[in-house]
Structure formats: C-alpha cells, structure tokens
Amino acid sequence: MKEFIDAVQQNEKHPGTFHIPPKDLLDEMKEGWFVKVAHNGERFWIEITSIEESGTIFGRVDNDLVNEHPFKYDDKIMFEKRHILDVVDFTNS
C-alpha cells in the first residue's frame, strides 16, 4: 500500500487545524463516492470503486497530480479509512 498521510493521526496531533470527516460519514461511504487523500504533500481526489469487509478501499485517482508520485490520473490505488481527509457523495446529485 502506498504511504498516504494518516489523517486520523494528524487530527489527533492537531485537532484545531486538521479536520477529518466524522466516523458515521466514513461508515456510509459507497462505490461512486469521492474521497480526498494526501501523498507526498499533495491532496487529491479518489473515486471509490469498491470497499472490502477488511476495510481496504479501492479507487481510481480522479485528478492530475503536480508532485512526484508512484501513480497518476486514472490509476487504481488502495487505501484505508484512516487516510481520508474529506468525503463527497455525488451519486445523489
């Protein structure tokens, strides 16, 4: 698994300035939702393609990246809920 920023850990260290989505929202996530993660100092969006019972989340990178990364736009990646900085549900729009 690529090393994404652990958003939960950052929130524990800096609760006043590093916000994360509430647990109930993370528990509601479904295929098609978008989540923000961070890697190598850059935040970007991932479209969720599946969520396993183990908690592993699979998705595809949904924007072009500026910094150096081991992945690019439309690449398939995996991560965990603890890496999520933000959540957006466009499926009901």
PDB file of N, CA and C in Angstrom:
ATOM      1  N   MET A   1       0.851  -1.186   0.000  1.00  0.00           N
ATOM      2  CA  MET A   1       0.000   0.000   0.000  1.00  0.00           C
ATOM      3  C   MET A   1       0.891   1.241   0.000  1.00  0.00           C
ATOM      4  N   LYS A   2       0.555   2.194  -0.850  1.00  0.00           N
ATOM      5  CA  LYS A   2       1.298   3.449  -0.904  1.00  0.00           C
ATOM      6  C   LYS A   2       1.161   4.156   0.435  1.00  0.00           C
ATOM      7  N   GLU A   3       2.176   4.929   0.801  1.00  0.00           N
ATOM      8  CA  GLU A   3       2.143   5.608   2.083  1.00  0.00           C
ATOM      9  C   GLU A   3       1.403   6.940   1.995  1.00  0.00           C
ATOM     10  N   PHE A   4       0.151   6.913   2.343  1.00  0.00           N
ATOM     11  CA  PHE A   4      -0.659   8.120   2.393  1.00  0.00           C
ATOM     12  C   PHE A   4      -0.550   8.722   3.790  1.00  0.00           C
ATOM     13  N   ILE A   5      -0.847  10.003   3.903  1.00  0.00           N
ATOM     14  CA  ILE A   5      -0.875  10.652   5.212  1.00  0.00           C
ATOM     15  C   ILE A   5      -1.977  10.013   6.043  1.00  0.00           C
ATOM     16  N   ASP A   6      -1.672   9.716   7.291  1.00  0.00           N
ATOM     17  CA  ASP A   6      -2.657   9.163   8.214  1.00  0.00           C
ATOM     18  C   ASP A   6      -3.452  10.339   8.781  1.00  0.00           C
ATOM     19  N   ALA A   7      -4.642  10.569   8.224  1.00  0.00           N
ATOM     20  CA  ALA A   7      -5.459  11.721   8.607  1.00  0.00           C
ATOM     21  C   ALA A   7      -5.901  11.645  10.062  1.00  0.00           C
ATOM     22  N   VAL A   8      -6.198  10.448  10.554  1.00  0.00           N
ATOM     23  CA  VAL A   8      -6.626  10.286  11.949  1.00  0.00           C
ATOM     24  C   VAL A   8      -5.502  10.706  12.888  1.00  0.00           C
ATOM     25  N   GLN A   9      -4.308  10.257  12.592  1.00  0.00           N
ATOM     26  CA  GLN A   9      -3.142  10.605  13.423  1.00  0.00           C
ATOM     27  C   GLN A   9      -2.881  12.112  13.394  1.00  0.00           C
ATOM     28  N   GLN A  10      -2.992  12.726  12.221  1.00  0.00           N
ATOM     29  CA  GLN A  10      -2.787  14.168  12.114  1.00  0.00           C
ATOM     30  C   GLN A  10      -3.862  14.934  12.883  1.00  0.00           C
ATOM     31  N   ASN A  11      -5.099  14.435  12.849  1.00  0.00           N
ATOM     32  CA  ASN A  11      -6.191  15.067  13.595  1.00  0.00           C
ATOM     33  C   ASN A  11      -5.947  14.977  15.097  1.00  0.00           C
ATOM     34  N   GLU A  12      -5.403  13.857  15.560  1.00  0.00           N
ATOM     35  CA  GLU A  12      -5.099  13.702  16.988  1.00  0.00           C
ATOM     36  C   GLU A  12      -4.010  14.678  17.423  1.00  0.00           C
ATOM     37  N   LYS A  13      -3.030  14.910  16.568  1.00  0.00           N
ATOM     38  CA  LYS A  13      -1.931  15.832  16.881  1.00  0.00           C
ATOM     39  C   LYS A  13      -2.363  17.294  16.784  1.00  0.00           C
ATOM     40  N   HIS A  14      -3.235  17.597  15.817  1.00  0.00           N
ATOM     41  CA  HIS A  14      -3.615  18.980  15.530  1.00  0.00           C
ATOM     42  C   HIS A  14      -5.130  19.084  15.351  1.00  0.00           C
ATOM     43  N   PRO A  15      -5.917  18.817  16.388  1.00  0.00           N
ATOM     44  CA  PRO A  15      -7.379  18.789  16.237  1.00  0.00           C
ATOM     45  C   PRO A  15      -8.008  20.119  15.843  1.00  0.00           C
ATOM     46  N   GLY A  16      -7.384  21.202  16.190  1.00  0.00           N
ATOM     47  CA  GLY A  16      -7.948  22.509  15.866  1.00  0.00           C
ATOM     48  C   GLY A  16      -7.729  22.942  14.423  1.00  0.00           C
ATOM     49  N   THR A  17      -6.746  22.338  13.763  1.00  0.00           N
ATOM     50  CA  THR A  17      -6.417  22.766  12.406  1.00  0.00           C
ATOM     51  C   THR A  17      -6.465  21.655  11.364  1.00  0.00           C
ATOM     52  N   PHE A  18      -6.515  20.413  11.799  1.00  0.00           N
ATOM     53  CA  PHE A  18      -6.533  19.298  10.845  1.00  0.00           C
ATOM     54  C   PHE A  18      -7.836  18.527  11.039  1.00  0.00           C
ATOM     55  N   HIS A  19      -8.807  18.819  10.194  1.00  0.00           N
ATOM     56  CA  HIS A  19     -10.137  18.232  10.335  1.00  0.00           C
ATOM     57  C   HIS A  19     -10.278  16.990   9.462  1.00  0.00           C
ATOM     58  N   ILE A  20     -11.078  16.041   9.923  1.00  0.00           N
ATOM     59  CA  ILE A  20     -11.370  14.829   9.168  1.00  0.00           C
ATOM     60  C   ILE A  20     -12.879  14.591   9.193  1.00  0.00           C
ATOM     61  N   PRO A  21     -13.388  13.785   8.269  1.00  0.00           N
ATOM     62  CA  PRO A  21     -14.824  13.502   8.255  1.00  0.00           C
ATOM     63  C   PRO A  21     -15.245  12.723   9.498  1.00  0.00           C
ATOM     64  N   PRO A  22     -16.486  12.889   9.954  1.00  0.00           N
ATOM     65  CA  PRO A  22     -16.974  12.124  11.099  1.00  0.00           C
ATOM     66  C   PRO A  22     -17.075  10.633  10.759  1.00  0.00           C
ATOM     67  N   LYS A  23     -16.907   9.795  11.770  1.00  0.00           N
ATOM     68  CA  LYS A  23     -16.913   8.343  11.597  1.00  0.00           C
ATOM     69  C   LYS A  23     -18.190   7.853  10.925  1.00  0.00           C
ATOM     70  N   ASP A  24     -19.349   8.418  11.289  1.00  0.00           N
ATOM     71  CA  ASP A  24     -20.603   7.944  10.691  1.00  0.00           C
ATOM     72  C   ASP A  24     -20.638   8.201   9.188  1.00  0.00           C
ATOM     73  N   LEU A  25     -20.043   9.291   8.724  1.00  0.00           N
ATOM     74  CA  LEU A  25     -19.976   9.563   7.294  1.00  0.00           C
ATOM     75  C   LEU A  25     -19.039   8.566   6.603  1.00  0.00           C
ATOM     76  N   LEU A  26     -17.911   8.283   7.239  1.00  0.00           N
ATOM     77  CA  LEU A  26     -16.979   7.297   6.683  1.00  0.00           C
ATOM     78  C   LEU A  26     -17.628   5.921   6.598  1.00  0.00           C
ATOM     79  N   ASP A  27     -18.467   5.588   7.579  1.00  0.00           N
ATOM     80  CA  ASP A  27     -19.145   4.294   7.581  1.00  0.00           C
ATOM     81  C   ASP A  27     -20.212   4.192   6.494  1.00  0.00           C
ATOM     82  N   GLU A  28     -20.711   5.333   6.010  1.00  0.00           N
ATOM     83  CA  GLU A  28     -21.747   5.358   4.966  1.00  0.00           C
ATOM     84  C   GLU A  28     -21.178   5.279   3.554  1.00  0.00           C
ATOM     85  N   MET A  29     -19.875   5.459   3.391  1.00  0.00           N
ATOM     86  CA  MET A  29     -19.276   5.530   2.059  1.00  0.00           C
ATOM     87  C   MET A  29     -19.652   4.329   1.203  1.00  0.00           C
ATOM     88  N   LYS A  30     -19.799   4.619  -0.097  1.00  0.00           N
ATOM     89  CA  LYS A  30     -20.162   3.588  -1.056  1.00  0.00           C
ATOM     90  C   LYS A  30     -19.387   3.786  -2.352  1.00  0.00           C
ATOM     91  N   GLU A  31     -19.447   2.795  -3.192  1.00  0.00           N
ATOM     92  CA  GLU A  31     -18.870   2.882  -4.520  1.00  0.00           C
ATOM     93  C   GLU A  31     -19.443   4.105  -5.233  1.00  0.00           C
ATOM     94  N   GLY A  32     -18.587   4.863  -5.893  1.00  0.00           N
ATOM     95  CA  GLY A  32     -19.013   6.065  -6.597  1.00  0.00           C
ATOM     96  C   GLY A  32     -18.793   7.349  -5.822  1.00  0.00           C
ATOM     97  N   TRP A  33     -18.583   7.257  -4.513  1.00  0.00           N
ATOM     98  CA  TRP A  33     -18.284   8.444  -3.715  1.00  0.00           C
ATOM     99  C   TRP A  33     -16.835   8.856  -3.986  1.00  0.00           C
ATOM    100  N   PHE A  34     -16.545  10.114  -3.686  1.00  0.00           N
ATOM    101  CA  PHE A  34     -15.194  10.633  -3.840  1.00  0.00           C
ATOM    102  C   PHE A  34     -14.616  10.964  -2.474  1.00  0.00           C
ATOM    103  N   VAL A  35     -13.345  10.635  -2.292  1.00  0.00           N
ATOM    104  CA  VAL A  35     -12.654  10.935  -1.046  1.00  0.00           C
ATOM    105  C   VAL A  35     -11.331  11.629  -1.365  1.00  0.00           C
ATOM    106  N   LYS A  36     -10.907  12.485  -0.442  1.00  0.00           N
ATOM    107  CA  LYS A  36      -9.631  13.168  -0.598  1.00  0.00           C
ATOM    108  C   LYS A  36      -8.601  12.476   0.280  1.00  0.00           C
ATOM    109  N   VAL A  37      -7.429  12.203  -0.294  1.00  0.00           N
ATOM    110  CA  VAL A  37      -6.303  11.639   0.441  1.00  0.00           C
ATOM    111  C   VAL A  37      -5.090  12.525   0.160  1.00  0.00           C
ATOM    112  N   ALA A  38      -3.997  12.278   0.869  1.00  0.00           N
ATOM    113  CA  ALA A  38      -2.772  13.048   0.638  1.00  0.00           C
ATOM    114  C   ALA A  38      -1.572  12.111   0.563  1.00  0.00           C
ATOM    115  N   HIS A  39      -0.689  12.420  -0.365  1.00  0.00           N
ATOM    116  CA  HIS A  39       0.542  11.661  -0.551  1.00  0.00           C
ATOM    117  C   HIS A  39       1.612  12.635  -1.022  1.00  0.00           C
ATOM    118  N   ASN A  40       2.781  12.532  -0.439  1.00  0.00           N
ATOM    119  CA  ASN A  40       3.915  13.365  -0.846  1.00  0.00           C
ATOM    120  C   ASN A  40       3.564  14.858  -0.813  1.00  0.00           C
ATOM    121  N   GLY A  41       2.804  15.259   0.212  1.00  0.00           N
ATOM    122  CA  GLY A  41       2.469  16.657   0.405  1.00  0.00           C
ATOM    123  C   GLY A  41       1.365  17.196  -0.482  1.00  0.00           C
ATOM    124  N   GLU A  42       0.748  16.343  -1.275  1.00  0.00           N
ATOM    125  CA  GLU A  42      -0.313  16.789  -2.181  1.00  0.00           C
ATOM    126  C   GLU A  42      -1.629  16.089  -1.854  1.00  0.00           C
ATOM    127  N   ARG A  43      -2.700  16.871  -1.800  1.00  0.00           N
ATOM    128  CA  ARG A  43      -4.033  16.320  -1.566  1.00  0.00           C
ATOM    129  C   ARG A  43      -4.728  16.150  -2.914  1.00  0.00           C
ATOM    130  N   PHE A  44      -5.454  15.039  -3.076  1.00  0.00           N
ATOM    131  CA  PHE A  44      -6.142  14.794  -4.334  1.00  0.00           C
ATOM    132  C   PHE A  44      -7.330  13.868  -4.118  1.00  0.00           C
ATOM    133  N   TRP A  45      -8.180  13.805  -5.143  1.00  0.00           N
ATOM    134  CA  TRP A  45      -9.425  13.055  -5.054  1.00  0.00           C
ATOM    135  C   TRP A  45      -9.304  11.657  -5.646  1.00  0.00           C
ATOM    136  N   ILE A  46     -10.017  10.733  -5.001  1.00  0.00           N
ATOM    137  CA  ILE A  46     -10.106   9.343  -5.437  1.00  0.00           C
ATOM    138  C   ILE A  46     -11.587   8.995  -5.566  1.00  0.00           C
ATOM    139  N   GLU A  47     -11.981   8.364  -6.658  1.00  0.00           N
ATOM    140  CA  GLU A  47     -13.335   7.837  -6.777  1.00  0.00           C
ATOM    141  C   GLU A  47     -13.320   6.407  -6.254  1.00  0.00           C
ATOM    142  N   ILE A  48     -14.165   6.114  -5.272  1.00  0.00           N
ATOM    143  CA  ILE A  48     -14.210   4.768  -4.689  1.00  0.00           C
ATOM    144  C   ILE A  48     -14.806   3.795  -5.701  1.00  0.00           C
ATOM    145  N   THR A  49     -14.097   2.695  -5.943  1.00  0.00           N
ATOM    146  CA  THR A  49     -14.607   1.665  -6.843  1.00  0.00           C
ATOM    147  C   THR A  49     -15.086   0.437  -6.080  1.00  0.00           C
ATOM    148  N   SER A  50     -14.544   0.197  -4.883  1.00  0.00           N
ATOM    149  CA  SER A  50     -15.044  -0.887  -4.023  1.00  0.00           C
ATOM    150  C   SER A  50     -14.470  -0.749  -2.619  1.00  0.00           C
ATOM    151  N   ILE A  51     -15.212  -1.331  -1.666  1.00  0.00           N
ATOM    152  CA  ILE A  51     -14.778  -1.341  -0.267  1.00  0.00           C
ATOM    153  C   ILE A  51     -14.900  -2.776   0.227  1.00  0.00           C
ATOM    154  N   GLU A  52     -13.798  -3.337   0.710  1.00  0.00           N
ATOM    155  CA  GLU A  52     -13.803  -4.706   1.222  1.00  0.00           C
ATOM    156  C   GLU A  52     -14.224  -4.732   2.686  1.00  0.00           C
ATOM    157  N   GLU A  53     -14.711  -5.870   3.126  1.00  0.00           N
ATOM    158  CA  GLU A  53     -15.090  -6.028   4.537  1.00  0.00           C
ATOM    159  C   GLU A  53     -13.910  -5.780   5.465  1.00  0.00           C
ATOM    160  N   SER A  54     -12.704  -6.058   5.002  1.00  0.00           N
ATOM    161  CA  SER A  54     -11.495  -5.850   5.806  1.00  0.00           C
ATOM    162  C   SER A  54     -11.226  -4.370   6.064  1.00  0.00           C
ATOM    163  N   GLY A  55     -11.892  -3.496   5.297  1.00  0.00           N
ATOM    164  CA  GLY A  55     -11.669  -2.059   5.451  1.00  0.00           C
ATOM    165  C   GLY A  55     -10.799  -1.472   4.356  1.00  0.00           C
ATOM    166  N   THR A  56     -10.206  -2.310   3.532  1.00  0.00           N
ATOM    167  CA  THR A  56      -9.410  -1.806   2.419  1.00  0.00           C
ATOM    168  C   THR A  56     -10.345  -1.195   1.383  1.00  0.00           C
ATOM    169  N   ILE A  57      -9.970  -0.014   0.905  1.00  0.00           N
ATOM    170  CA  ILE A  57     -10.776   0.712  -0.073  1.00  0.00           C
ATOM    171  C   ILE A  57      -9.986   0.777  -1.373  1.00  0.00           C
ATOM    172  N   PHE A  58     -10.683   0.525  -2.472  1.00  0.00           N
ATOM    173  CA  PHE A  58     -10.069   0.615  -3.794  1.00  0.00           C
ATOM    174  C   PHE A  58     -10.709   1.766  -4.535  1.00  0.00           C
ATOM    175  N   GLY A  59      -9.896   2.479  -5.309  1.00  0.00           N
ATOM    176  CA  GLY A  59     -10.420   3.596  -6.069  1.00  0.00           C
ATOM    177  C   GLY A  59      -9.491   3.971  -7.197  1.00  0.00           C
ATOM    178  N   ARG A  60      -9.901   5.004  -7.916  1.00  0.00           N
ATOM    179  CA  ARG A  60      -9.072   5.499  -9.013  1.00  0.00           C
ATOM    180  C   ARG A  60      -8.790   6.979  -8.795  1.00  0.00           C
ATOM    181  N   VAL A  61      -7.568   7.378  -9.096  1.00  0.00           N
ATOM    182  CA  VAL A  61      -7.147   8.773  -8.953  1.00  0.00           C
ATOM    183  C   VAL A  61      -7.986   9.620  -9.909  1.00  0.00           C
ATOM    184  N   ASP A  62      -8.615  10.686  -9.388  1.00  0.00           N
ATOM    185  CA  ASP A  62      -9.557  11.460 -10.186  1.00  0.00           C
ATOM    186  C   ASP A  62      -9.065  12.846 -10.574  1.00  0.00           C
ATOM    187  N   ASN A  63      -7.814  13.157 -10.382  1.00  0.00           N
ATOM    188  CA  ASN A  63      -7.287  14.420 -10.889  1.00  0.00           C
ATOM    189  C   ASN A  63      -5.805  14.286 -11.203  1.00  0.00           C
ATOM    190  N   ASP A  64      -5.322  15.211 -12.035  1.00  0.00           N
ATOM    191  CA  ASP A  64      -3.897  15.226 -12.369  1.00  0.00           C
ATOM    192  C   ASP A  64      -3.117  15.671 -11.139  1.00  0.00           C
ATOM    193  N   LEU A  65      -1.948  15.080 -10.938  1.00  0.00           N
ATOM    194  CA  LEU A  65      -1.115  15.383  -9.777  1.00  0.00           C
ATOM    195  C   LEU A  65       0.083  16.222 -10.203  1.00  0.00           C
ATOM    196  N   VAL A  66       0.514  17.093  -9.289  1.00  0.00           N
ATOM    197  CA  VAL A  66       1.619  18.002  -9.573  1.00  0.00           C
ATOM    198  C   VAL A  66       2.935  17.428  -9.048  1.00  0.00           C
ATOM    199  N   ASN A  67       2.939  16.938  -7.812  1.00  0.00           N
ATOM    200  CA  ASN A  67       4.158  16.410  -7.191  1.00  0.00           C
ATOM    201  C   ASN A  67       4.494  15.032  -7.741  1.00  0.00           C
ATOM    202  N   GLU A  68       5.675  14.551  -7.392  1.00  0.00           N
ATOM    203  CA  GLU A  68       6.102  13.222  -7.830  1.00  0.00           C
ATOM    204  C   GLU A  68       5.388  12.149  -7.003  1.00  0.00           C
ATOM    205  N   HIS A  69       4.761  11.200  -7.699  1.00  0.00           N
ATOM    206  CA  HIS A  69       4.013  10.124  -7.061  1.00  0.00           C
ATOM    207  C   HIS A  69       4.242   8.827  -7.838  1.00  0.00           C
ATOM    208  N   PRO A  70       3.970   7.705  -7.208  1.00  0.00           N
ATOM    209  CA  PRO A  70       4.075   6.424  -7.923  1.00  0.00           C
ATOM    210  C   PRO A  70       2.808   6.117  -8.727  1.00  0.00           C
ATOM    211  N   PHE A  71       1.919   7.092  -8.879  1.00  0.00           N
ATOM    212  CA  PHE A  71       0.673   6.895  -9.620  1.00  0.00           C
ATOM    213  C   PHE A  71       0.281   8.217 -10.279  1.00  0.00           C
ATOM    214  N   LYS A  72      -0.705   8.142 -11.173  1.00  0.00           N
ATOM    215  CA  LYS A  72      -1.145   9.318 -11.928  1.00  0.00           C
ATOM    216  C   LYS A  72      -2.655   9.247 -12.130  1.00  0.00           C
ATOM    217  N   TYR A  73      -3.212  10.229 -12.825  1.00  0.00           N
ATOM    218  CA  TYR A  73      -4.646  10.281 -13.106  1.00  0.00           C
ATOM    219  C   TYR A  73      -5.145   8.939 -13.639  1.00  0.00           C
ATOM    220  N   ASP A  74      -6.252   8.488 -13.103  1.00  0.00           N
ATOM    221  CA  ASP A  74      -6.969   7.274 -13.501  1.00  0.00           C
ATOM    222  C   ASP A  74      -6.306   5.973 -13.024  1.00  0.00           C
ATOM    223  N   ASP A  75      -5.172   6.054 -12.319  1.00  0.00           N
ATOM    224  CA  ASP A  75      -4.552   4.843 -11.763  1.00  0.00           C
ATOM    225  C   ASP A  75      -5.429   4.269 -10.665  1.00  0.00           C
ATOM    226  N   LYS A  76      -5.404   2.963 -10.530  1.00  0.00           N
ATOM    227  CA  LYS A  76      -6.135   2.271  -9.466  1.00  0.00           C
ATOM    228  C   LYS A  76      -5.227   2.191  -8.243  1.00  0.00           C
ATOM    229  N   ILE A  77      -5.771   2.563  -7.079  1.00  0.00           N
ATOM    230  CA  ILE A  77      -4.990   2.516  -5.848  1.00  0.00           C
ATOM    231  C   ILE A  77      -5.839   1.941  -4.721  1.00  0.00           C
ATOM    232  N   MET A  78      -5.177   1.589  -3.616  1.00  0.00           N
ATOM    233  CA  MET A  78      -5.901   1.124  -2.434  1.00  0.00           C
ATOM    234  C   MET A  78      -5.410   1.893  -1.224  1.00  0.00           C
ATOM    235  N   PHE A  79      -6.327   2.045  -0.245  1.00  0.00           N
ATOM    236  CA  PHE A  79      -6.028   2.815   0.957  1.00  0.00           C
ATOM    237  C   PHE A  79      -7.020   2.405   2.026  1.00  0.00           C
ATOM    238  N   GLU A  80      -6.961   3.065   3.184  1.00  0.00           N
ATOM    239  CA  GLU A  80      -7.842   2.751   4.309  1.00  0.00           C
ATOM    240  C   GLU A  80      -8.586   4.008   4.759  1.00  0.00           C
ATOM    241  N   LYS A  81      -9.618   3.827   5.554  1.00  0.00           N
ATOM    242  CA  LYS A  81     -10.404   4.959   6.053  1.00  0.00           C
ATOM    243  C   LYS A  81      -9.532   5.969   6.781  1.00  0.00           C
ATOM    244  N   ARG A  82      -8.501   5.504   7.476  1.00  0.00           N
ATOM    245  CA  ARG A  82      -7.651   6.413   8.258  1.00  0.00           C
ATOM    246  C   ARG A  82      -6.901   7.419   7.379  1.00  0.00           C
ATOM    247  N   HIS A  83      -6.870   7.184   6.084  1.00  0.00           N
ATOM    248  CA  HIS A  83      -6.181   8.083   5.162  1.00  0.00           C
ATOM    249  C   HIS A  83      -7.080   9.168   4.596  1.00  0.00           C
ATOM    250  N   ILE A  84      -8.373   9.120   4.881  1.00  0.00           N
ATOM    251  CA  ILE A  84      -9.338  10.014   4.237  1.00  0.00           C
ATOM    252  C   ILE A  84      -9.418  11.373   4.934  1.00  0.00           C
ATOM    253  N   LEU A  85      -9.253  12.425   4.122  1.00  0.00           N
ATOM    254  CA  LEU A  85      -9.297  13.802   4.600  1.00  0.00           C
ATOM    255  C   LEU A  85     -10.673  14.438   4.395  1.00  0.00           C
ATOM    256  N   ASP A  86     -11.386  13.992   3.386  1.00  0.00           N
ATOM    257  CA  ASP A  86     -12.682  14.587   3.055  1.00  0.00           C
ATOM    258  C   ASP A  86     -13.498  13.574   2.267  1.00  0.00           C
ATOM    259  N   VAL A  87     -14.818  13.728   2.262  1.00  0.00           N
ATOM    260  CA  VAL A  87     -15.728  12.815   1.578  1.00  0.00           C
ATOM    261  C   VAL A  87     -16.791  13.627   0.848  1.00  0.00           C
ATOM    262  N   VAL A  88     -17.093  13.241  -0.392  1.00  0.00           N
ATOM    263  CA  VAL A  88     -18.163  13.878  -1.150  1.00  0.00           C
ATOM    264  C   VAL A  88     -18.965  12.784  -1.849  1.00  0.00           C
ATOM    265  N   ASP A  89     -20.292  12.889  -1.746  1.00  0.00           N
ATOM    266  CA  ASP A  89     -21.193  11.950  -2.406  1.00  0.00           C
ATOM    267  C   ASP A  89     -21.903  12.670  -3.537  1.00  0.00           C
ATOM    268  N   PHE A  90     -21.474  12.407  -4.777  1.00  0.00           N
ATOM    269  CA  PHE A  90     -22.125  12.990  -5.942  1.00  0.00           C
ATOM    270  C   PHE A  90     -23.165  12.044  -6.520  1.00  0.00           C
ATOM    271  N   THR A  91     -23.323  10.864  -5.944  1.00  0.00           N
ATOM    272  CA  THR A  91     -24.236   9.867  -6.503  1.00  0.00           C
ATOM    273  C   THR A  91     -25.690  10.264  -6.362  1.00  0.00           C
ATOM    274  N   ASN A  92     -26.016  11.161  -5.430  1.00  0.00           N
ATOM    275  CA  ASN A  92     -27.398  11.590  -5.222  1.00  0.00           C
ATOM    276  C   ASN A  92     -27.705  12.950  -5.841  1.00  0.00           C
ATOM    277  N   SER A  93     -26.780  13.456  -6.639  1.00  0.00           N
ATOM    278  CA  SER A  93     -26.963  14.791  -7.239  1.00  0.00           C
ATOM    279  C   SER A  93     -27.867  14.735  -8.441  1.00  0.00           C
TER     280      SER A  93
END
